[in-house]
Each structure stands twice: as structure tokens, then as C-alpha cells.
Amino acid sequence: MAPPASAGGAALKLPGASSFPSLDERLAQPETREEVLRGERVLAQPALAPHGDLHFGLDYVLGAHVSPGFIGSTDLLTRAAHDSDFATDTCIRRAGDDPGTGTRYLEEVAFEVVHAQPLKKATERAEDWSRRGVRRIFGVFVKKGTVEEWVPKAKRWRALDPGGVVRDPCLLRPIAVKAVFDAGVADDEVARALEAKNNPVIVAIKAESEARGEQRGLAAAVLAVLANRGLAIPPRVREAIQRSEDLARLHRWLARAMVVATADEVLDEP
């Protein structure tokens, strides 16, 4: 059967491959549960807890790690072949439109959460994505507790080291494989990604933390100088020094602590 006319741009030709339909040319009805895999119409069913939980966690981690110039997407329909039109669970692609096709860019990296579906179906999806040009394809295998990458030349899945990381130009920084299955590790990875992005809130928190650290250090230094000089430190003086958040004032108090006759005089500024 001849492929339908393009609805979203010219067909794409890849080196050594036959022409493909436009990425946005549909066989499946968008915004429904319908997909088409190698001519077979299937319905993507709602997920059970293990599948849905891991999918949510995967989006959480990947969303924080998308490099500038790229964009992440969930359940994005892609015309993978003339007879296949199905969605990745989560993917990353270049932002904007491909000038060669006039449509969005093809996914660079795709992730599929595999739980109840047969391995054969997951493999067929990986094969079609790979032939279309998706650069890297990862499977999160819920029952096995593994993250695996599709190896096109070997036509098989290769399990990643659970203690390793995933590195890619699409990612701002490497992601620990454990982050897919461990919520605590996921939080750590997201925090590090936000720090790497110089997220304004993270920058502010770090600045506040550094200021608090400096304040505590100066307060301790003032009290130490007074104690080393053998001066009694009344509770009100100790509390005032420890509670002060004015770094300039603490610096002045530190200088005065070296010369005053009593601890009370530290607070008696001109």
C-alpha cells in the first residue's frame, strides 16, 4: 500500500534508508489511546502502579537534565515507519523545527517503560525507532529492575551497569542509572542538575547557606577571643552575638573583642 500524502512536511531520506513519511503524518488518531505498530492497531492501556510510578519518576529526573537547546516530551506520537505510528514514553529532541523537513526534530533519545507488554513488542518499537534515526533507545524493564539500551547492530537489549551513569549531549550532566528506581537518588540527581543550571532558587539557597556559615563562624570567633582573654561572657552578650545576622557588625565586634576590658563593651558600639 502506498504511503499517504504528507500532512506535515516533505518525506525524509536518510543515508542508506528508504524514504520515511513525515514525523507528523498520522496513522493513529492523536490524543487517543490508539497507536499503530507495523500495521497493527493497538490501544495503549492505562498503566498499573509499577509502570506508572516508574514513568512518573523517569519524567521527573529527565526533565531536570534536559540540556539547553533540547526539549523533553511525554507520550509523543512519532511516525516511525510507513506502517508504524506510536509514542515514546519519554523522549528528548532538539528544540524548534528541522529546516530539512519543516517539522519538529526527530527524537534524539527515547525511553520506553516495559512492564506488561511482551518483549517482542518493545523490541519491534526499538527496531522501528532505530531505523527511523532515533540515536539512542532505552528500555526500563520494571519486572527485572533493569535499564537497558538497544544495540541496533546486535539487535538486542544491553543492560546498563546499575552503578553506572547515562551520558549524552542531550543531558546537562550524567544521570545515575539508580535514579530510575530509587526516589532518593532521583532527588539527589535533580538537585545536582538544578545546581548545574544555576537555577536562581538554588543559587539563592547556596548564598543564604554560605552567609549563615560565615555568621556562625564570626560569632564563634568573637566568643572564642573573649574566652581566651579570660573575660566572663554574660548570657545576654552571648545570645546577642550568636543571634546577629549582620556580618559587618560581627566583624566590628570581633575587632572590639580583642581590646575591650569587659565582654559587655563588645556590644557598646560608638
C-alpha atoms as a PDB file:
ATOM      1  CA  MET A   1       0.000   0.000   0.000  1.00  0.00           C
ATOM      2  CA  ALA A   2       1.400   3.383  -0.948  1.00  0.00           C
ATOM      3  CA  PRO A   3       2.042   5.735   1.982  1.00  0.00           C
ATOM      4  CA  PRO A   4      -0.456   8.575   2.412  1.00  0.00           C
ATOM      5  CA  ALA A   5       0.432  12.085   1.328  1.00  0.00           C
ATOM      6  CA  SER A   6       2.463  14.078   3.819  1.00  0.00           C
ATOM      7  CA  ALA A   7       0.457  16.292   6.162  1.00  0.00           C
ATOM      8  CA  GLY A   8       3.360  17.903   7.970  1.00  0.00           C
ATOM      9  CA  GLY A   9       6.353  18.271   5.675  1.00  0.00           C
ATOM     10  CA  ALA A  10       8.341  16.521   2.989  1.00  0.00           C
ATOM     11  CA  ALA A  11       9.346  12.901   3.424  1.00  0.00           C
ATOM     12  CA  LEU A  12      12.771  12.471   4.973  1.00  0.00           C
ATOM     13  CA  LYS A  13      15.550  10.462   3.344  1.00  0.00           C
ATOM     14  CA  LEU A  14      18.311   9.029   5.472  1.00  0.00           C
ATOM     15  CA  PRO A  15      21.601   7.683   4.086  1.00  0.00           C
ATOM     16  CA  GLY A  16      21.187   4.059   3.138  1.00  0.00           C
ATOM     17  CA  ALA A  17      17.488   4.010   4.026  1.00  0.00           C
ATOM     18  CA  SER A  18      14.252   4.273   2.109  1.00  0.00           C
ATOM     19  CA  SER A  19      12.221   7.456   2.424  1.00  0.00           C
ATOM     20  CA  PHE A  20      10.095   7.886   5.503  1.00  0.00           C
ATOM     21  CA  PRO A  21       6.803   9.687   5.925  1.00  0.00           C
ATOM     22  CA  SER A  22       6.794  12.985   7.782  1.00  0.00           C
ATOM     23  CA  LEU A  23       7.127  12.696  11.542  1.00  0.00           C
ATOM     24  CA  ASP A  24       3.774  14.414  11.952  1.00  0.00           C
ATOM     25  CA  GLU A  25       1.936  12.358   9.353  1.00  0.00           C
ATOM     26  CA  ARG A  26      -0.558  10.296  11.326  1.00  0.00           C
ATOM     27  CA  LEU A  27      -1.817   6.736  11.141  1.00  0.00           C
ATOM     28  CA  ALA A  28      -3.052   6.822  14.743  1.00  0.00           C
ATOM     29  CA  GLN A  29      -5.628   9.299  15.964  1.00  0.00           C
ATOM     30  CA  PRO A  30      -3.830  11.868  18.152  1.00  0.00           C
ATOM     31  CA  GLU A  31      -4.968  12.451  21.748  1.00  0.00           C
ATOM     32  CA  THR A  32      -6.479   8.968  21.948  1.00  0.00           C
ATOM     33  CA  ARG A  33      -5.023   5.679  23.164  1.00  0.00           C
ATOM     34  CA  GLU A  34      -4.650   4.443  19.601  1.00  0.00           C
ATOM     35  CA  GLU A  35      -1.242   3.500  18.201  1.00  0.00           C
ATOM     36  CA  VAL A  36      -0.133   1.597  15.117  1.00  0.00           C
ATOM     37  CA  LEU A  37       2.788  -0.820  15.261  1.00  0.00           C
ATOM     38  CA  ARG A  38       3.758  -2.431  11.963  1.00  0.00           C
ATOM     39  CA  GLY A  39       0.242  -2.193  10.593  1.00  0.00           C
ATOM     40  CA  GLU A  40      -1.453  -3.456  13.756  1.00  0.00           C
ATOM     41  CA  ARG A  41      -3.743  -1.027  15.531  1.00  0.00           C
ATOM     42  CA  VAL A  42      -3.336  -1.276  19.288  1.00  0.00           C
ATOM     43  CA  LEU A  43      -4.682   0.625  22.277  1.00  0.00           C
ATOM     44  CA  ALA A  44      -2.188   1.894  24.816  1.00  0.00           C
ATOM     45  CA  GLN A  45      -3.765   0.841  28.114  1.00  0.00           C
ATOM     46  CA  PRO A  46      -3.601   2.831  31.383  1.00  0.00           C
ATOM     47  CA  ALA A  47      -0.636   1.718  33.480  1.00  0.00           C
ATOM     48  CA  LEU A  48      -0.559  -0.291  36.676  1.00  0.00           C
ATOM     49  CA  ALA A  49       1.235   1.172  39.683  1.00  0.00           C
ATOM     50  CA  PRO A  50       4.768  -0.148  38.988  1.00  0.00           C
ATOM     51  CA  HIS A  51       4.682   1.091  35.394  1.00  0.00           C
ATOM     52  CA  GLY A  52       3.024   4.409  36.182  1.00  0.00           C
ATOM     53  CA  ASP A  53       5.274   5.058  39.162  1.00  0.00           C
ATOM     54  CA  LEU A  54       8.460   4.480  37.189  1.00  0.00           C
ATOM     55  CA  HIS A  55       7.203   6.564  34.275  1.00  0.00           C
ATOM     56  CA  PHE A  56       6.493   9.455  36.630  1.00  0.00           C
ATOM     57  CA  GLY A  57       9.940   9.124  38.212  1.00  0.00           C
ATOM     58  CA  LEU A  58      11.623   8.932  34.821  1.00  0.00           C
ATOM     59  CA  ASP A  59       9.959  12.167  33.695  1.00  0.00           C
ATOM     60  CA  TYR A  60      10.939  13.830  36.970  1.00  0.00           C
ATOM     61  CA  VAL A  61      14.637  13.015  36.569  1.00  0.00           C
ATOM     62  CA  LEU A  62      14.907  13.606  32.823  1.00  0.00           C
ATOM     63  CA  GLY A  63      13.012  16.896  32.940  1.00  0.00           C
ATOM     64  CA  ALA A  64      15.656  18.466  35.154  1.00  0.00           C
ATOM     65  CA  HIS A  65      18.509  17.183  32.987  1.00  0.00           C
ATOM     66  CA  VAL A  66      17.478  18.384  29.509  1.00  0.00           C
ATOM     67  CA  SER A  67      20.348  20.397  28.010  1.00  0.00           C
ATOM     68  CA  PRO A  68      19.788  23.910  26.624  1.00  0.00           C
ATOM     69  CA  GLY A  69      18.602  23.736  23.022  1.00  0.00           C
ATOM     70  CA  PHE A  70      16.705  20.487  23.626  1.00  0.00           C
ATOM     71  CA  ILE A  71      13.174  19.743  24.783  1.00  0.00           C
ATOM     72  CA  GLY A  72      11.628  16.779  26.586  1.00  0.00           C
ATOM     73  CA  SER A  73       8.255  15.271  25.811  1.00  0.00           C
ATOM     74  CA  THR A  74       5.932  12.576  27.163  1.00  0.00           C
ATOM     75  CA  ASP A  75       3.794  10.236  25.026  1.00  0.00           C
ATOM     76  CA  LEU A  76       4.875  11.974  21.822  1.00  0.00           C
ATOM     77  CA  LEU A  77       3.462  10.322  18.696  1.00  0.00           C
ATOM     78  CA  THR A  78       6.121   9.694  16.057  1.00  0.00           C
ATOM     79  CA  ARG A  79       5.616   8.244  12.591  1.00  0.00           C
ATOM     80  CA  ALA A  80       8.399   5.674  12.887  1.00  0.00           C
ATOM     81  CA  ALA A  81       7.700   3.905   9.585  1.00  0.00           C
ATOM     82  CA  HIS A  82       5.124   3.689   6.811  1.00  0.00           C
ATOM     83  CA  ASP A  83       3.169   1.181   8.909  1.00  0.00           C
ATOM     84  CA  SER A  84       4.090   2.390  12.427  1.00  0.00           C
ATOM     85  CA  ASP A  85       2.842   5.422  14.323  1.00  0.00           C
ATOM     86  CA  PHE A  86       3.343   5.176  18.075  1.00  0.00           C
ATOM     87  CA  ALA A  87       4.552   7.171  21.055  1.00  0.00           C
ATOM     88  CA  THR A  88       7.672   7.082  23.156  1.00  0.00           C
ATOM     89  CA  ASP A  89       7.021   7.070  26.903  1.00  0.00           C
ATOM     90  CA  THR A  90       9.535   9.893  27.318  1.00  0.00           C
ATOM     91  CA  CYS A  91      11.919  11.433  24.809  1.00  0.00           C
ATOM     92  CA  ILE A  92      14.320  14.308  24.216  1.00  0.00           C
ATOM     93  CA  ARG A  93      14.716  16.115  20.891  1.00  0.00           C
ATOM     94  CA  ARG A  94      16.213  19.336  19.591  1.00  0.00           C
ATOM     95  CA  ALA A  95      14.046  22.391  20.120  1.00  0.00           C
ATOM     96  CA  GLY A  96      12.478  24.097  17.128  1.00  0.00           C
ATOM     97  CA  ASP A  97      11.888  22.760  13.626  1.00  0.00           C
ATOM     98  CA  ASP A  98      14.193  20.805  11.361  1.00  0.00           C
ATOM     99  CA  PRO A  99      14.907  23.021   8.305  1.00  0.00           C
ATOM    100  CA  GLY A 100      15.338  19.906   6.200  1.00  0.00           C
ATOM    101  CA  THR A 101      11.771  18.704   6.774  1.00  0.00           C
ATOM    102  CA  GLY A 102       9.844  21.708   8.056  1.00  0.00           C
ATOM    103  CA  THR A 103       8.594  19.631  11.001  1.00  0.00           C
ATOM    104  CA  ARG A 104       9.846  19.156  14.529  1.00  0.00           C
ATOM    105  CA  TYR A 105      13.116  17.330  15.011  1.00  0.00           C
ATOM    106  CA  LEU A 106      13.142  13.576  15.419  1.00  0.00           C
ATOM    107  CA  GLU A 107      13.782  12.295  18.913  1.00  0.00           C
ATOM    108  CA  GLU A 108      17.462  12.040  19.801  1.00  0.00           C
ATOM    109  CA  VAL A 109      16.893   9.817  22.830  1.00  0.00           C
ATOM    110  CA  ALA A 110      13.803   7.705  23.580  1.00  0.00           C
ATOM    111  CA  PHE A 111      12.745   5.837  26.728  1.00  0.00           C
ATOM    112  CA  GLU A 112      10.233   3.026  26.954  1.00  0.00           C
ATOM    113  CA  VAL A 113       8.920   1.673  30.269  1.00  0.00           C
ATOM    114  CA  VAL A 114       8.320  -2.054  29.757  1.00  0.00           C
ATOM    115  CA  HIS A 115       6.066  -3.834  32.227  1.00  0.00           C
ATOM    116  CA  ALA A 116       3.173  -5.920  30.956  1.00  0.00           C
ATOM    117  CA  GLN A 117       3.851  -5.669  27.221  1.00  0.00           C
ATOM    118  CA  PRO A 118       5.677  -8.597  25.568  1.00  0.00           C
ATOM    119  CA  LEU A 119       9.402  -8.175  24.990  1.00  0.00           C
ATOM    120  CA  LYS A 120       8.761  -8.743  21.278  1.00  0.00           C
ATOM    121  CA  LYS A 121       6.643  -5.584  21.074  1.00  0.00           C
ATOM    122  CA  ALA A 122       9.222  -3.497  22.916  1.00  0.00           C
ATOM    123  CA  THR A 123      11.885  -4.832  20.559  1.00  0.00           C
ATOM    124  CA  GLU A 124       9.819  -4.027  17.467  1.00  0.00           C
ATOM    125  CA  ARG A 125       9.371  -0.477  18.707  1.00  0.00           C
ATOM    126  CA  ALA A 126      13.112  -0.153  19.279  1.00  0.00           C
ATOM    127  CA  GLU A 127      13.851  -1.517  15.809  1.00  0.00           C
ATOM    128  CA  ASP A 128      11.458   0.927  14.142  1.00  0.00           C
ATOM    129  CA  TRP A 129      12.736   3.906  16.137  1.00  0.00           C
ATOM    130  CA  SER A 130      16.319   2.982  15.352  1.00  0.00           C
ATOM    131  CA  ARG A 131      15.655   2.601  11.620  1.00  0.00           C
ATOM    132  CA  ARG A 132      13.877   5.953  11.612  1.00  0.00           C
ATOM    133  CA  GLY A 133      17.001   7.568  13.065  1.00  0.00           C
ATOM    134  CA  VAL A 134      16.445   7.829  16.812  1.00  0.00           C
ATOM    135  CA  ARG A 135      20.006   7.890  18.071  1.00  0.00           C
ATOM    136  CA  ARG A 136      19.599   6.111  21.415  1.00  0.00           C
ATOM    137  CA  ILE A 137      16.773   3.975  22.815  1.00  0.00           C
ATOM    138  CA  PHE A 138      16.484   2.890  26.439  1.00  0.00           C
ATOM    139  CA  GLY A 139      14.132   0.365  27.976  1.00  0.00           C
ATOM    140  CA  VAL A 140      13.190   0.495  31.652  1.00  0.00           C
ATOM    141  CA  PHE A 141      12.251  -3.105  32.444  1.00  0.00           C
ATOM    142  CA  VAL A 142      10.037  -2.966  35.501  1.00  0.00           C
ATOM    143  CA  LYS A 143       9.910  -6.647  36.457  1.00  0.00           C
ATOM    144  CA  LYS A 144      13.661  -7.172  36.026  1.00  0.00           C
ATOM    145  CA  GLY A 145      14.558  -3.884  37.655  1.00  0.00           C
ATOM    146  CA  THR A 146      16.993  -3.021  34.861  1.00  0.00           C
ATOM    147  CA  VAL A 147      17.670  -0.144  32.492  1.00  0.00           C
ATOM    148  CA  GLU A 148      18.784  -1.440  29.099  1.00  0.00           C
ATOM    149  CA  GLU A 149      19.915   0.202  25.879  1.00  0.00           C
ATOM    150  CA  TRP A 150      19.007  -1.038  22.427  1.00  0.00           C
ATOM    151  CA  VAL A 151      22.048  -2.098  20.371  1.00  0.00           C
ATOM    152  CA  PRO A 152      20.993  -1.841  16.697  1.00  0.00           C
ATOM    153  CA  LYS A 153      23.927  -3.761  15.216  1.00  0.00           C
ATOM    154  CA  ALA A 154      23.473  -6.673  17.611  1.00  0.00           C
ATOM    155  CA  LYS A 155      19.653  -6.370  17.510  1.00  0.00           C
ATOM    156  CA  ARG A 156      19.362  -6.865  21.241  1.00  0.00           C
ATOM    157  CA  TRP A 157      18.985  -5.042  24.547  1.00  0.00           C
ATOM    158  CA  ARG A 158      22.110  -4.471  26.675  1.00  0.00           C
ATOM    159  CA  ALA A 159      21.668  -3.981  30.424  1.00  0.00           C
ATOM    160  CA  LEU A 160      23.395  -0.941  31.894  1.00  0.00           C
ATOM    161  CA  ASP A 161      25.568  -1.156  34.984  1.00  0.00           C
ATOM    162  CA  PRO A 162      23.253  -0.404  37.959  1.00  0.00           C
ATOM    163  CA  GLY A 163      26.072   1.629  39.494  1.00  0.00           C
ATOM    164  CA  GLY A 164      26.807   3.487  36.272  1.00  0.00           C
ATOM    165  CA  VAL A 165      25.508   6.619  34.608  1.00  0.00           C
ATOM    166  CA  VAL A 166      23.856   7.624  31.345  1.00  0.00           C
ATOM    167  CA  ARG A 167      25.825  10.300  29.451  1.00  0.00           C
ATOM    168  CA  ASP A 168      24.555  12.088  26.369  1.00  0.00           C
ATOM    169  CA  PRO A 169      24.791  15.543  24.724  1.00  0.00           C
ATOM    170  CA  CYS A 170      21.029  15.881  25.334  1.00  0.00           C
ATOM    171  CA  LEU A 171      21.660  15.721  29.066  1.00  0.00           C
ATOM    172  CA  LEU A 172      23.034  18.566  31.126  1.00  0.00           C
ATOM    173  CA  ARG A 173      25.020  16.114  33.249  1.00  0.00           C
ATOM    174  CA  PRO A 174      25.310  12.331  33.577  1.00  0.00           C
ATOM    175  CA  ILE A 175      22.344  10.646  35.270  1.00  0.00           C
ATOM    176  CA  ALA A 176      22.856   7.782  37.721  1.00  0.00           C
ATOM    177  CA  VAL A 177      21.108   4.643  36.496  1.00  0.00           C
ATOM    178  CA  LYS A 178      19.843   4.064  40.046  1.00  0.00           C
ATOM    179  CA  ALA A 179      17.834   7.278  39.840  1.00  0.00           C
ATOM    180  CA  VAL A 180      15.247   5.484  37.690  1.00  0.00           C
ATOM    181  CA  PHE A 181      14.340   3.088  40.517  1.00  0.00           C
ATOM    182  CA  ASP A 182      15.371   4.928  43.701  1.00  0.00           C
ATOM    183  CA  ALA A 183      13.388   8.059  44.644  1.00  0.00           C
ATOM    184  CA  GLY A 184      16.124   9.262  46.985  1.00  0.00           C
ATOM    185  CA  VAL A 185      18.777   9.049  44.290  1.00  0.00           C
ATOM    186  CA  ALA A 186      16.350  10.741  41.883  1.00  0.00           C
ATOM    187  CA  ASP A 187      16.004  13.705  44.254  1.00  0.00           C
ATOM    188  CA  ASP A 188      19.792  13.964  44.540  1.00  0.00           C
ATOM    189  CA  GLU A 189      20.237  13.899  40.767  1.00  0.00           C
ATOM    190  CA  VAL A 190      17.550  16.552  40.220  1.00  0.00           C
ATOM    191  CA  ALA A 191      19.149  18.795  42.845  1.00  0.00           C
ATOM    192  CA  ARG A 192      22.550  18.461  41.162  1.00  0.00           C
ATOM    193  CA  ALA A 193      21.016  19.198  37.765  1.00  0.00           C
ATOM    194  CA  LEU A 194      19.350  22.359  39.066  1.00  0.00           C
ATOM    195  CA  GLU A 195      22.657  23.427  40.589  1.00  0.00           C
ATOM    196  CA  ALA A 196      24.404  22.802  37.256  1.00  0.00           C
ATOM    197  CA  LYS A 197      21.773  25.003  35.573  1.00  0.00           C
ATOM    198  CA  ASN A 198      22.476  27.810  38.060  1.00  0.00           C
ATOM    199  CA  ASN A 199      18.811  27.728  38.994  1.00  0.00           C
ATOM    200  CA  PRO A 200      18.086  31.093  40.732  1.00  0.00           C
ATOM    201  CA  VAL A 201      16.395  29.445  43.727  1.00  0.00           C
ATOM    202  CA  ILE A 202      19.307  27.026  44.228  1.00  0.00           C
ATOM    203  CA  VAL A 203      21.799  29.878  43.855  1.00  0.00           C
ATOM    204  CA  ALA A 204      19.893  31.886  46.482  1.00  0.00           C
ATOM    205  CA  ILE A 205      19.762  28.928  48.869  1.00  0.00           C
ATOM    206  CA  LYS A 206      23.511  28.383  48.490  1.00  0.00           C
ATOM    207  CA  ALA A 207      24.190  32.072  49.104  1.00  0.00           C
ATOM    208  CA  GLU A 208      21.988  32.038  52.220  1.00  0.00           C
ATOM    209  CA  SER A 209      23.726  28.895  53.462  1.00  0.00           C
ATOM    210  CA  GLU A 210      27.164  30.431  52.923  1.00  0.00           C
ATOM    211  CA  ALA A 211      26.079  33.599  54.725  1.00  0.00           C
ATOM    212  CA  ARG A 212      24.751  31.559  57.663  1.00  0.00           C
ATOM    213  CA  GLY A 213      28.018  29.640  57.765  1.00  0.00           C
ATOM    214  CA  GLU A 214      30.024  32.863  57.814  1.00  0.00           C
ATOM    215  CA  GLN A 215      27.740  34.302  60.508  1.00  0.00           C
ATOM    216  CA  ARG A 216      28.191  31.239  62.725  1.00  0.00           C
ATOM    217  CA  GLY A 217      31.958  31.320  62.168  1.00  0.00           C
ATOM    218  CA  LEU A 218      32.264  35.003  63.083  1.00  0.00           C
ATOM    219  CA  ALA A 219      30.055  34.628  66.146  1.00  0.00           C
ATOM    220  CA  ALA A 220      32.143  31.698  67.343  1.00  0.00           C
ATOM    221  CA  ALA A 221      35.330  33.711  66.754  1.00  0.00           C
ATOM    222  CA  VAL A 222      34.057  36.669  68.840  1.00  0.00           C
ATOM    223  CA  LEU A 223      33.152  34.369  71.730  1.00  0.00           C
ATOM    224  CA  ALA A 224      36.457  32.498  71.450  1.00  0.00           C
ATOM    225  CA  VAL A 225      38.504  35.720  71.634  1.00  0.00           C
ATOM    226  CA  LEU A 226      36.600  36.871  74.715  1.00  0.00           C
ATOM    227  CA  ALA A 227      37.003  33.469  76.393  1.00  0.00           C
ATOM    228  CA  ASN A 228      40.702  33.231  75.540  1.00  0.00           C
ATOM    229  CA  ARG A 229      41.216  36.653  77.130  1.00  0.00           C
ATOM    230  CA  GLY A 230      39.609  35.350  80.293  1.00  0.00           C
ATOM    231  CA  LEU A 231      36.579  37.641  80.116  1.00  0.00           C
ATOM    232  CA  ALA A 232      33.268  36.465  81.527  1.00  0.00           C
ATOM    233  CA  ILE A 233      30.531  36.389  78.891  1.00  0.00           C
ATOM    234  CA  PRO A 234      27.071  37.234  80.263  1.00  0.00           C
ATOM    235  CA  PRO A 235      24.160  35.247  78.720  1.00  0.00           C
ATOM    236  CA  ARG A 236      22.688  38.366  77.078  1.00  0.00           C
ATOM    237  CA  VAL A 237      26.015  39.111  75.353  1.00  0.00           C
ATOM    238  CA  ARG A 238      26.430  35.501  74.187  1.00  0.00           C
ATOM    239  CA  GLU A 239      22.866  35.439  72.824  1.00  0.00           C
ATOM    240  CA  ALA A 240      23.264  38.789  71.047  1.00  0.00           C
ATOM    241  CA  ILE A 241      26.470  37.621  69.361  1.00  0.00           C
ATOM    242  CA  GLN A 242      25.045  34.253  68.322  1.00  0.00           C
ATOM    243  CA  ARG A 243      21.772  35.708  67.005  1.00  0.00           C
ATOM    244  CA  SER A 244      23.243  38.562  64.995  1.00  0.00           C
ATOM    245  CA  GLU A 245      22.957  38.160  61.219  1.00  0.00           C
ATOM    246  CA  ASP A 246      24.765  41.410  60.407  1.00  0.00           C
ATOM    247  CA  LEU A 247      28.161  40.289  59.090  1.00  0.00           C
ATOM    248  CA  ALA A 248      29.618  43.807  59.146  1.00  0.00           C
ATOM    249  CA  ARG A 249      28.625  44.190  62.791  1.00  0.00           C
ATOM    250  CA  LEU A 250      30.114  40.811  63.696  1.00  0.00           C
ATOM    251  CA  HIS A 251      33.387  41.844  62.083  1.00  0.00           C
ATOM    252  CA  ARG A 252      33.378  45.017  64.216  1.00  0.00           C
ATOM    253  CA  TRP A 253      32.572  43.002  67.343  1.00  0.00           C
ATOM    254  CA  LEU A 254      35.462  40.653  66.571  1.00  0.00           C
ATOM    255  CA  ALA A 255      37.866  43.591  66.373  1.00  0.00           C
ATOM    256  CA  ARG A 256      36.493  45.057  69.638  1.00  0.00           C
ATOM    257  CA  ALA A 257      36.704  41.675  71.400  1.00  0.00           C
ATOM    258  CA  MET A 258      40.483  41.926  71.162  1.00  0.00           C
ATOM    259  CA  VAL A 259      40.690  45.217  73.107  1.00  0.00           C
ATOM    260  CA  VAL A 260      37.664  45.672  75.421  1.00  0.00           C
ATOM    261  CA  ALA A 261      38.002  45.366  79.184  1.00  0.00           C
ATOM    262  CA  THR A 262      34.679  43.503  79.613  1.00  0.00           C
ATOM    263  CA  ALA A 263      32.521  41.382  77.302  1.00  0.00           C
ATOM    264  CA  ASP A 264      29.642  43.842  77.674  1.00  0.00           C
ATOM    265  CA  GLU A 265      31.709  46.506  75.934  1.00  0.00           C
ATOM    266  CA  VAL A 266      31.746  44.484  72.726  1.00  0.00           C
ATOM    267  CA  LEU A 267      28.114  45.424  72.135  1.00  0.00           C
ATOM    268  CA  ASP A 268      28.601  49.083  73.160  1.00  0.00           C
ATOM    269  CA  GLU A 269      29.499  50.494  69.770  1.00  0.00           C
ATOM    270  CA  PRO A 270      30.085  54.254  69.381  1.00  0.00           C
END
